[in-house]
Amino acid sequence: YSDRRKVILVTKKSEYPFYDKLENVEKRLA
């Protein structure tokens, strides 16, 4: 999920934020 300038990756254990756009992640994982 996106949160301003960051994207947060969510697993069952935790969340991992990183700087990117959700559109870029979507292109890689379409």
PDB file of all heavy atoms in Angstrom:
ATOM      1  N   TYR A   1       0.848  -1.200   0.000  1.00  0.00           N
ATOM      2  CA  TYR A   1       0.000   0.000   0.000  1.00  0.00           C
ATOM      3  C   TYR A   1       0.880   1.245   0.000  1.00  0.00           C
ATOM      4  O   TYR A   1       2.029   1.211   0.472  1.00  0.00           O
ATOM      5  CB  TYR A   1      -0.986   0.009   1.167  1.00  0.00           C
ATOM      6  CG  TYR A   1      -0.397   0.216   2.541  1.00  0.00           C
ATOM      7  CD1 TYR A   1      -0.302   1.494   3.115  1.00  0.00           C
ATOM      8  CD2 TYR A   1       0.037  -0.870   3.306  1.00  0.00           C
ATOM      9  CE1 TYR A   1       0.211   1.679   4.382  1.00  0.00           C
ATOM     10  CE2 TYR A   1       0.554  -0.696   4.577  1.00  0.00           C
ATOM     11  CZ  TYR A   1       0.638   0.582   5.117  1.00  0.00           C
ATOM     12  OH  TYR A   1       1.157   0.768   6.373  1.00  0.00           O
ATOM     13  N   SER A   2       0.354   2.306  -0.563  1.00  0.00           N
ATOM     14  CA  SER A   2       1.125   3.543  -0.666  1.00  0.00           C
ATOM     15  C   SER A   2       0.795   4.478   0.491  1.00  0.00           C
ATOM     16  O   SER A   2      -0.331   4.517   0.995  1.00  0.00           O
ATOM     17  CB  SER A   2       0.835   4.246  -1.993  1.00  0.00           C
ATOM     18  OG  SER A   2      -0.541   4.568  -2.099  1.00  0.00           O
ATOM     19  N   ASP A   3       1.782   5.212   0.922  1.00  0.00           N
ATOM     20  CA  ASP A   3       1.625   6.198   1.995  1.00  0.00           C
ATOM     21  C   ASP A   3       2.522   7.385   1.665  1.00  0.00           C
ATOM     22  O   ASP A   3       3.704   7.367   1.927  1.00  0.00           O
ATOM     23  CB  ASP A   3       2.001   5.596   3.344  1.00  0.00           C
ATOM     24  CG  ASP A   3       1.792   6.563   4.495  1.00  0.00           C
ATOM     25  OD1 ASP A   3       1.162   7.619   4.281  1.00  0.00           O
ATOM     26  OD2 ASP A   3       2.261   6.261   5.615  1.00  0.00           O
ATOM     27  N   ARG A   4       1.924   8.362   1.005  1.00  0.00           N
ATOM     28  CA  ARG A   4       2.662   9.535   0.512  1.00  0.00           C
ATOM     29  C   ARG A   4       3.791   9.105  -0.434  1.00  0.00           C
ATOM     30  O   ARG A   4       3.518   8.462  -1.426  1.00  0.00           O
ATOM     31  CB  ARG A   4       3.163  10.382   1.670  1.00  0.00           C
ATOM     32  CG  ARG A   4       2.070  11.249   2.280  1.00  0.00           C
ATOM     33  CD  ARG A   4       2.482  11.834   3.609  1.00  0.00           C
ATOM     34  NE  ARG A   4       2.062  10.967   4.711  1.00  0.00           N
ATOM     35  CZ  ARG A   4       2.161  11.297   5.980  1.00  0.00           C
ATOM     36  NH1 ARG A   4       2.679  12.446   6.333  1.00  0.00           N
ATOM     37  NH2 ARG A   4       1.740  10.472   6.907  1.00  0.00           N
ATOM     38  N   ARG A   5       5.037   9.375  -0.089  1.00  0.00           N
ATOM     39  CA  ARG A   5       6.135   9.048  -1.010  1.00  0.00           C
ATOM     40  C   ARG A   5       6.656   7.628  -0.828  1.00  0.00           C
ATOM     41  O   ARG A   5       7.565   7.196  -1.519  1.00  0.00           O
ATOM     42  CB  ARG A   5       7.283  10.034  -0.801  1.00  0.00           C
ATOM     43  CG  ARG A   5       6.939  11.478  -1.169  1.00  0.00           C
ATOM     44  CD  ARG A   5       8.061  12.427  -0.781  1.00  0.00           C
ATOM     45  NE  ARG A   5       9.325  12.023  -1.363  1.00  0.00           N
ATOM     46  CZ  ARG A   5      10.515  12.178  -0.782  1.00  0.00           C
ATOM     47  NH1 ARG A   5      10.584  12.705   0.433  1.00  0.00           N
ATOM     48  NH2 ARG A   5      11.618  11.809  -1.401  1.00  0.00           N
ATOM     49  N   LYS A   6       6.060   6.894   0.090  1.00  0.00           N
ATOM     50  CA  LYS A   6       6.533   5.538   0.376  1.00  0.00           C
ATOM     51  C   LYS A   6       5.529   4.476  -0.054  1.00  0.00           C
ATOM     52  O   LYS A   6       4.339   4.733  -0.175  1.00  0.00           O
ATOM     53  CB  LYS A   6       6.807   5.375   1.879  1.00  0.00           C
ATOM     54  CG  LYS A   6       7.993   6.175   2.383  1.00  0.00           C
ATOM     55  CD  LYS A   6       8.227   5.889   3.854  1.00  0.00           C
ATOM     56  CE  LYS A   6       9.435   6.672   4.382  1.00  0.00           C
ATOM     57  NZ  LYS A   6       9.669   6.404   5.820  1.00  0.00           N
ATOM     58  N   VAL A   7       6.069   3.278  -0.261  1.00  0.00           N
ATOM     59  CA  VAL A   7       5.255   2.085  -0.447  1.00  0.00           C
ATOM     60  C   VAL A   7       5.589   1.161   0.717  1.00  0.00           C
ATOM     61  O   VAL A   7       6.754   1.038   1.111  1.00  0.00           O
ATOM     62  CB  VAL A   7       5.564   1.387  -1.785  1.00  0.00           C
ATOM     63  CG1 VAL A   7       4.828   0.057  -1.880  1.00  0.00           C
ATOM     64  CG2 VAL A   7       5.180   2.285  -2.955  1.00  0.00           C
ATOM     65  N   ILE A   8       4.565   0.522   1.282  1.00  0.00           N
ATOM     66  CA  ILE A   8       4.783  -0.391   2.394  1.00  0.00           C
ATOM     67  C   ILE A   8       4.459  -1.806   1.953  1.00  0.00           C
ATOM     68  O   ILE A   8       3.356  -2.072   1.452  1.00  0.00           O
ATOM     69  CB  ILE A   8       3.921  -0.015   3.625  1.00  0.00           C
ATOM     70  CG1 ILE A   8       4.394   1.318   4.214  1.00  0.00           C
ATOM     71  CG2 ILE A   8       4.045  -1.094   4.705  1.00  0.00           C
ATOM     72  CD1 ILE A   8       3.883   2.541   3.566  1.00  0.00           C
ATOM     73  N   LEU A   9       5.428  -2.698   2.111  1.00  0.00           N
ATOM     74  CA  LEU A   9       5.246  -4.117   1.808  1.00  0.00           C
ATOM     75  C   LEU A   9       4.768  -4.795   3.086  1.00  0.00           C
ATOM     76  O   LEU A   9       5.359  -4.625   4.155  1.00  0.00           O
ATOM     77  CB  LEU A   9       6.562  -4.712   1.321  1.00  0.00           C
ATOM     78  CG  LEU A   9       6.623  -6.182   0.930  1.00  0.00           C
ATOM     79  CD1 LEU A   9       7.750  -6.411  -0.079  1.00  0.00           C
ATOM     80  CD2 LEU A   9       6.830  -7.113   2.141  1.00  0.00           C
ATOM     81  N   VAL A  10       3.695  -5.587   2.978  1.00  0.00           N
ATOM     82  CA  VAL A  10       3.099  -6.214   4.153  1.00  0.00           C
ATOM     83  C   VAL A  10       3.189  -7.734   4.056  1.00  0.00           C
ATOM     84  O   VAL A  10       2.786  -8.332   3.055  1.00  0.00           O
ATOM     85  CB  VAL A  10       1.617  -5.804   4.306  1.00  0.00           C
ATOM     86  CG1 VAL A  10       1.004  -6.442   5.555  1.00  0.00           C
ATOM     87  CG2 VAL A  10       1.478  -4.290   4.365  1.00  0.00           C
ATOM     88  N   THR A  11       3.741  -8.357   5.088  1.00  0.00           N
ATOM     89  CA  THR A  11       3.753  -9.814   5.213  1.00  0.00           C
ATOM     90  C   THR A  11       2.938 -10.181   6.447  1.00  0.00           C
ATOM     91  O   THR A  11       2.430  -9.312   7.152  1.00  0.00           O
ATOM     92  CB  THR A  11       5.187 -10.362   5.365  1.00  0.00           C
ATOM     93  OG1 THR A  11       5.703  -9.960   6.650  1.00  0.00           O
ATOM     94  CG2 THR A  11       6.091  -9.843   4.260  1.00  0.00           C
ATOM     95  N   LYS A  12       2.843 -11.468   6.727  1.00  0.00           N
ATOM     96  CA  LYS A  12       2.116 -11.895   7.920  1.00  0.00           C
ATOM     97  C   LYS A  12       2.831 -11.471   9.197  1.00  0.00           C
ATOM     98  O   LYS A  12       2.213 -11.351  10.252  1.00  0.00           O
ATOM     99  CB  LYS A  12       1.944 -13.426   7.912  1.00  0.00           C
ATOM    100  CG  LYS A  12       1.001 -13.934   6.838  1.00  0.00           C
ATOM    101  CD  LYS A  12       0.875 -15.446   6.894  1.00  0.00           C
ATOM    102  CE  LYS A  12      -0.072 -15.961   5.824  1.00  0.00           C
ATOM    103  NZ  LYS A  12      -0.199 -17.446   5.848  1.00  0.00           N
ATOM    104  N   LYS A  13       4.135 -11.227   9.089  1.00  0.00           N
ATOM    105  CA  LYS A  13       4.929 -10.919  10.275  1.00  0.00           C
ATOM    106  C   LYS A  13       5.116  -9.433  10.533  1.00  0.00           C
ATOM    107  O   LYS A  13       5.157  -8.988  11.669  1.00  0.00           O
ATOM    108  CB  LYS A  13       6.308 -11.585  10.153  1.00  0.00           C
ATOM    109  CG  LYS A  13       6.256 -13.097  10.105  1.00  0.00           C
ATOM    110  CD  LYS A  13       7.650 -13.681   9.950  1.00  0.00           C
ATOM    111  CE  LYS A  13       7.610 -15.199   9.888  1.00  0.00           C
ATOM    112  NZ  LYS A  13       8.971 -15.785   9.704  1.00  0.00           N
ATOM    113  N   SER A  14       5.256  -8.639   9.450  1.00  0.00           N
ATOM    114  CA  SER A  14       5.605  -7.233   9.665  1.00  0.00           C
ATOM    115  C   SER A  14       5.353  -6.407   8.414  1.00  0.00           C
ATOM    116  O   SER A  14       4.858  -6.913   7.400  1.00  0.00           O
ATOM    117  CB  SER A  14       7.083  -7.122  10.082  1.00  0.00           C
ATOM    118  OG  SER A  14       7.380  -5.824  10.527  1.00  0.00           O
ATOM    119  N   GLU A  15       5.708  -5.115   8.496  1.00  0.00           N
ATOM    120  CA  GLU A  15       5.597  -4.201   7.365  1.00  0.00           C
ATOM    121  C   GLU A  15       6.966  -3.587   7.077  1.00  0.00           C
ATOM    122  O   GLU A  15       7.738  -3.317   8.003  1.00  0.00           O
ATOM    123  CB  GLU A  15       4.580  -3.098   7.659  1.00  0.00           C
ATOM    124  CG  GLU A  15       3.171  -3.613   7.889  1.00  0.00           C
ATOM    125  CD  GLU A  15       2.138  -2.483   7.967  1.00  0.00           C
ATOM    126  OE1 GLU A  15       2.542  -1.295   7.875  1.00  0.00           O
ATOM    127  OE2 GLU A  15       0.947  -2.800   8.114  1.00  0.00           O
ATOM    128  N   TYR A  16       7.246  -3.365   5.780  1.00  0.00           N
ATOM    129  CA  TYR A  16       8.560  -2.877   5.362  1.00  0.00           C
ATOM    130  C   TYR A  16       8.385  -1.699   4.403  1.00  0.00           C
ATOM    131  O   TYR A  16       8.021  -1.892   3.242  1.00  0.00           O
ATOM    132  CB  TYR A  16       9.349  -4.011   4.689  1.00  0.00           C
ATOM    133  CG  TYR A  16       9.508  -5.216   5.575  1.00  0.00           C
ATOM    134  CD1 TYR A  16       8.507  -6.196   5.640  1.00  0.00           C
ATOM    135  CD2 TYR A  16      10.639  -5.381   6.377  1.00  0.00           C
ATOM    136  CE1 TYR A  16       8.636  -7.306   6.471  1.00  0.00           C
ATOM    137  CE2 TYR A  16      10.778  -6.491   7.208  1.00  0.00           C
ATOM    138  CZ  TYR A  16       9.766  -7.439   7.248  1.00  0.00           C
ATOM    139  OH  TYR A  16       9.891  -8.533   8.068  1.00  0.00           O
ATOM    140  N   PRO A  17       8.634  -0.474   4.861  1.00  0.00           N
ATOM    141  CA  PRO A  17       8.474   0.704   3.997  1.00  0.00           C
ATOM    142  C   PRO A  17       9.695   0.957   3.128  1.00  0.00           C
ATOM    143  O   PRO A  17      10.827   0.631   3.500  1.00  0.00           O
ATOM    144  CB  PRO A  17       8.303   1.831   5.019  1.00  0.00           C
ATOM    145  CG  PRO A  17       9.095   1.384   6.205  1.00  0.00           C
ATOM    146  CD  PRO A  17       8.971  -0.114   6.250  1.00  0.00           C
ATOM    147  N   PHE A  18       9.462   1.504   1.939  1.00  0.00           N
ATOM    148  CA  PHE A  18      10.559   1.897   1.065  1.00  0.00           C
ATOM    149  C   PHE A  18      10.060   3.006   0.137  1.00  0.00           C
ATOM    150  O   PHE A  18       8.860   3.145  -0.102  1.00  0.00           O
ATOM    151  CB  PHE A  18      11.092   0.706   0.253  1.00  0.00           C
ATOM    152  CG  PHE A  18      10.069   0.018  -0.605  1.00  0.00           C
ATOM    153  CD1 PHE A  18       9.979   0.272  -1.967  1.00  0.00           C
ATOM    154  CD2 PHE A  18       9.181  -0.902  -0.049  1.00  0.00           C
ATOM    155  CE1 PHE A  18       9.038  -0.376  -2.773  1.00  0.00           C
ATOM    156  CE2 PHE A  18       8.240  -1.554  -0.843  1.00  0.00           C
ATOM    157  CZ  PHE A  18       8.172  -1.290  -2.201  1.00  0.00           C
ATOM    158  N   TYR A  19      10.989   3.807  -0.362  1.00  0.00           N
ATOM    159  CA  TYR A  19      10.627   4.922  -1.239  1.00  0.00           C
ATOM    160  C   TYR A  19      10.402   4.420  -2.663  1.00  0.00           C
ATOM    161  O   TYR A  19      11.300   3.873  -3.290  1.00  0.00           O
ATOM    162  CB  TYR A  19      11.718   5.993  -1.228  1.00  0.00           C
ATOM    163  CG  TYR A  19      11.738   6.810   0.039  1.00  0.00           C
ATOM    164  CD1 TYR A  19      12.677   6.557   1.032  1.00  0.00           C
ATOM    165  CD2 TYR A  19      10.806   7.831   0.246  1.00  0.00           C
ATOM    166  CE1 TYR A  19      12.690   7.295   2.214  1.00  0.00           C
ATOM    167  CE2 TYR A  19      10.808   8.572   1.418  1.00  0.00           C
ATOM    168  CZ  TYR A  19      11.752   8.304   2.395  1.00  0.00           C
ATOM    169  OH  TYR A  19      11.751   9.039   3.564  1.00  0.00           O
ATOM    170  N   ASP A  20       9.196   4.606  -3.151  1.00  0.00           N
ATOM    171  CA  ASP A  20       8.853   4.235  -4.521  1.00  0.00           C
ATOM    172  C   ASP A  20       7.410   4.653  -4.765  1.00  0.00           C
ATOM    173  O   ASP A  20       6.731   5.146  -3.863  1.00  0.00           O
ATOM    174  CB  ASP A  20       9.013   2.723  -4.743  1.00  0.00           C
ATOM    175  CG  ASP A  20       9.296   2.385  -6.213  1.00  0.00           C
ATOM    176  OD1 ASP A  20       8.979   3.230  -7.080  1.00  0.00           O
ATOM    177  OD2 ASP A  20       9.807   1.288  -6.476  1.00  0.00           O
ATOM    178  N   LYS A  21       6.950   4.414  -5.984  1.00  0.00           N
ATOM    179  CA  LYS A  21       5.551   4.653  -6.315  1.00  0.00           C
ATOM    180  C   LYS A  21       4.873   3.306  -6.521  1.00  0.00           C
ATOM    181  O   LYS A  21       5.455   2.386  -7.086  1.00  0.00           O
ATOM    182  CB  LYS A  21       5.431   5.486  -7.595  1.00  0.00           C
ATOM    183  CG  LYS A  21       5.945   6.913  -7.450  1.00  0.00           C
ATOM    184  CD  LYS A  21       5.764   7.682  -8.760  1.00  0.00           C
ATOM    185  CE  LYS A  21       6.252   9.123  -8.623  1.00  0.00           C
ATOM    186  NZ  LYS A  21       6.109   9.876  -9.891  1.00  0.00           N
ATOM    187  N   LEU A  22       3.618   3.213  -6.083  1.00  0.00           N
ATOM    188  CA  LEU A  22       2.893   1.958  -6.219  1.00  0.00           C
ATOM    189  C   LEU A  22       2.759   1.562  -7.690  1.00  0.00           C
ATOM    190  O   LEU A  22       2.764   0.372  -8.024  1.00  0.00           O
ATOM    191  CB  LEU A  22       1.511   2.076  -5.575  1.00  0.00           C
ATOM    192  CG  LEU A  22       0.777   0.760  -5.301  1.00  0.00           C
ATOM    193  CD1 LEU A  22       1.587  -0.122  -4.352  1.00  0.00           C
ATOM    194  CD2 LEU A  22      -0.615   1.023  -4.725  1.00  0.00           C
ATOM    195  N   GLU A  23       2.697   2.556  -8.574  1.00  0.00           N
ATOM    196  CA  GLU A  23       2.608   2.270 -10.015  1.00  0.00           C
ATOM    197  C   GLU A  23       3.837   1.500 -10.497  1.00  0.00           C
ATOM    198  O   GLU A  23       3.728   0.607 -11.338  1.00  0.00           O
ATOM    199  CB  GLU A  23       2.480   3.571 -10.816  1.00  0.00           C
ATOM    200  CG  GLU A  23       1.139   4.272 -10.679  1.00  0.00           C
ATOM    201  CD  GLU A  23       0.989   5.005  -9.353  1.00  0.00           C
ATOM    202  OE1 GLU A  23       2.018   5.178  -8.631  1.00  0.00           O
ATOM    203  OE2 GLU A  23      -0.145   5.383  -9.017  1.00  0.00           O
ATOM    204  N   ASN A  24       5.001   1.843  -9.975  1.00  0.00           N
ATOM    205  CA  ASN A  24       6.222   1.149 -10.374  1.00  0.00           C
ATOM    206  C   ASN A  24       6.224  -0.303  -9.888  1.00  0.00           C
ATOM    207  O   ASN A  24       6.655  -1.211 -10.603  1.00  0.00           O
ATOM    208  CB  ASN A  24       7.452   1.875  -9.826  1.00  0.00           C
ATOM    209  CG  ASN A  24       7.610   3.260 -10.410  1.00  0.00           C
ATOM    210  OD1 ASN A  24       7.139   3.533 -11.513  1.00  0.00           O
ATOM    211  ND2 ASN A  24       8.265   4.143  -9.684  1.00  0.00           N
ATOM    212  N   VAL A  25       5.755  -0.494  -8.659  1.00  0.00           N
ATOM    213  CA  VAL A  25       5.667  -1.848  -8.115  1.00  0.00           C
ATOM    214  C   VAL A  25       4.680  -2.672  -8.931  1.00  0.00           C
ATOM    215  O   VAL A  25       4.935  -3.830  -9.259  1.00  0.00           O
ATOM    216  CB  VAL A  25       5.237  -1.812  -6.633  1.00  0.00           C
ATOM    217  CG1 VAL A  25       5.093  -3.237  -6.091  1.00  0.00           C
ATOM    218  CG2 VAL A  25       6.242  -1.024  -5.806  1.00  0.00           C
ATOM    219  N   GLU A  26       3.554  -2.046  -9.283  1.00  0.00           N
ATOM    220  CA  GLU A  26       2.537  -2.739 -10.075  1.00  0.00           C
ATOM    221  C   GLU A  26       3.098  -3.193 -11.424  1.00  0.00           C
ATOM    222  O   GLU A  26       2.824  -4.314 -11.880  1.00  0.00           O
ATOM    223  CB  GLU A  26       1.339  -1.828 -10.286  1.00  0.00           C
ATOM    224  CG  GLU A  26       0.203  -2.487 -11.068  1.00  0.00           C
ATOM    225  CD  GLU A  26      -0.954  -1.548 -11.333  1.00  0.00           C
ATOM    226  OE1 GLU A  26      -0.783  -0.320 -11.143  1.00  0.00           O
ATOM    227  OE2 GLU A  26      -2.018  -2.033 -11.745  1.00  0.00           O
ATOM    228  N   LYS A  27       3.888  -2.362 -12.074  1.00  0.00           N
ATOM    229  CA  LYS A  27       4.470  -2.724 -13.365  1.00  0.00           C
ATOM    230  C   LYS A  27       5.372  -3.951 -13.240  1.00  0.00           C
ATOM    231  O   LYS A  27       5.378  -4.832 -14.100  1.00  0.00           O
ATOM    232  CB  LYS A  27       5.269  -1.548 -13.937  1.00  0.00           C
ATOM    233  CG  LYS A  27       4.409  -0.398 -14.431  1.00  0.00           C
ATOM    234  CD  LYS A  27       5.271   0.756 -14.900  1.00  0.00           C
ATOM    235  CE  LYS A  27       4.418   1.938 -15.324  1.00  0.00           C
ATOM    236  NZ  LYS A  27       5.256   3.118 -15.701  1.00  0.00           N
ATOM    237  N   ARG A  28       6.140  -4.001 -12.151  1.00  0.00           N
ATOM    238  CA  ARG A  28       7.060  -5.125 -11.969  1.00  0.00           C
ATOM    239  C   ARG A  28       6.331  -6.424 -11.636  1.00  0.00           C
ATOM    240  O   ARG A  28       6.792  -7.511 -11.977  1.00  0.00           O
ATOM    241  CB  ARG A  28       8.062  -4.816 -10.847  1.00  0.00           C
ATOM    242  CG  ARG A  28       9.036  -3.708 -11.176  1.00  0.00           C
ATOM    243  CD  ARG A  28      10.266  -3.781 -10.301  1.00  0.00           C
ATOM    244  NE  ARG A  28      10.003  -3.540  -8.898  1.00  0.00           N
ATOM    245  CZ  ARG A  28      10.007  -2.338  -8.330  1.00  0.00           C
ATOM    246  NH1 ARG A  28      10.246  -1.258  -9.051  1.00  0.00           N
ATOM    247  NH2 ARG A  28       9.767  -2.212  -7.036  1.00  0.00           N
ATOM    248  N   LEU A  29       5.181  -6.304 -10.962  1.00  0.00           N
ATOM    249  CA  LEU A  29       4.503  -7.493 -10.454  1.00  0.00           C
ATOM    250  C   LEU A  29       3.128  -7.716 -11.075  1.00  0.00           C
ATOM    251  O   LEU A  29       2.293  -8.418 -10.504  1.00  0.00           O
ATOM    252  CB  LEU A  29       4.356  -7.377  -8.925  1.00  0.00           C
ATOM    253  CG  LEU A  29       5.648  -7.202  -8.134  1.00  0.00           C
ATOM    254  CD1 LEU A  29       5.348  -7.038  -6.655  1.00  0.00           C
ATOM    255  CD2 LEU A  29       6.587  -8.381  -8.355  1.00  0.00           C
ATOM    256  N   ALA A  30       2.906  -7.150 -12.244  1.00  0.00           N
ATOM    257  CA  ALA A  30       1.570  -7.187 -12.866  1.00  0.00           C
ATOM    258  C   ALA A  30       1.033  -8.598 -13.069  1.00  0.00           C
ATOM    259  O   ALA A  30      -0.182  -8.817 -13.021  1.00  0.00           O
ATOM    260  CB  ALA A  30       1.605  -6.452 -14.207  1.00  0.00           C
TER     261      ALA A  30
END
